Amino acid sequence: MYRGQSLARTDQLRETDHIPEVLLKDYQRLLGSQPARRYNPKKLVENSSLFANKLVETITFLDNLTLKDSIEKAGTRMYVSDWSNGFLRYQTCF
């Protein structure tokens, strides 16, 4: 999938009009012609301010929840409580 459609040609990846300006340089580094020099997507997510928000934090938390043992899962109640309170505050802003 690319821009909500199937990717027909690889040169479509060079169309950057839909990429936020703050991500453009990193996006271009992800497409580098030398695989060894390409930017690591994990580093992009970890270092970009666009990904530093409650939604991304929650998705990451839920992705890793299945990997946790029962003791770790028991400790998630506090996180879920904090998240739900923050989510409700976020919803009331709109």
Foldseek 3Di string as FASTA:
>chain_A
DPPPDDDPDPCVLVPCPPPPPVCVVLSVLQVDPDVVRRDDVVVVLVPDPVNPDLVNVVVVCVVCLVVDDPVVNVVCVVVVVVSVVVVVVVVVVD
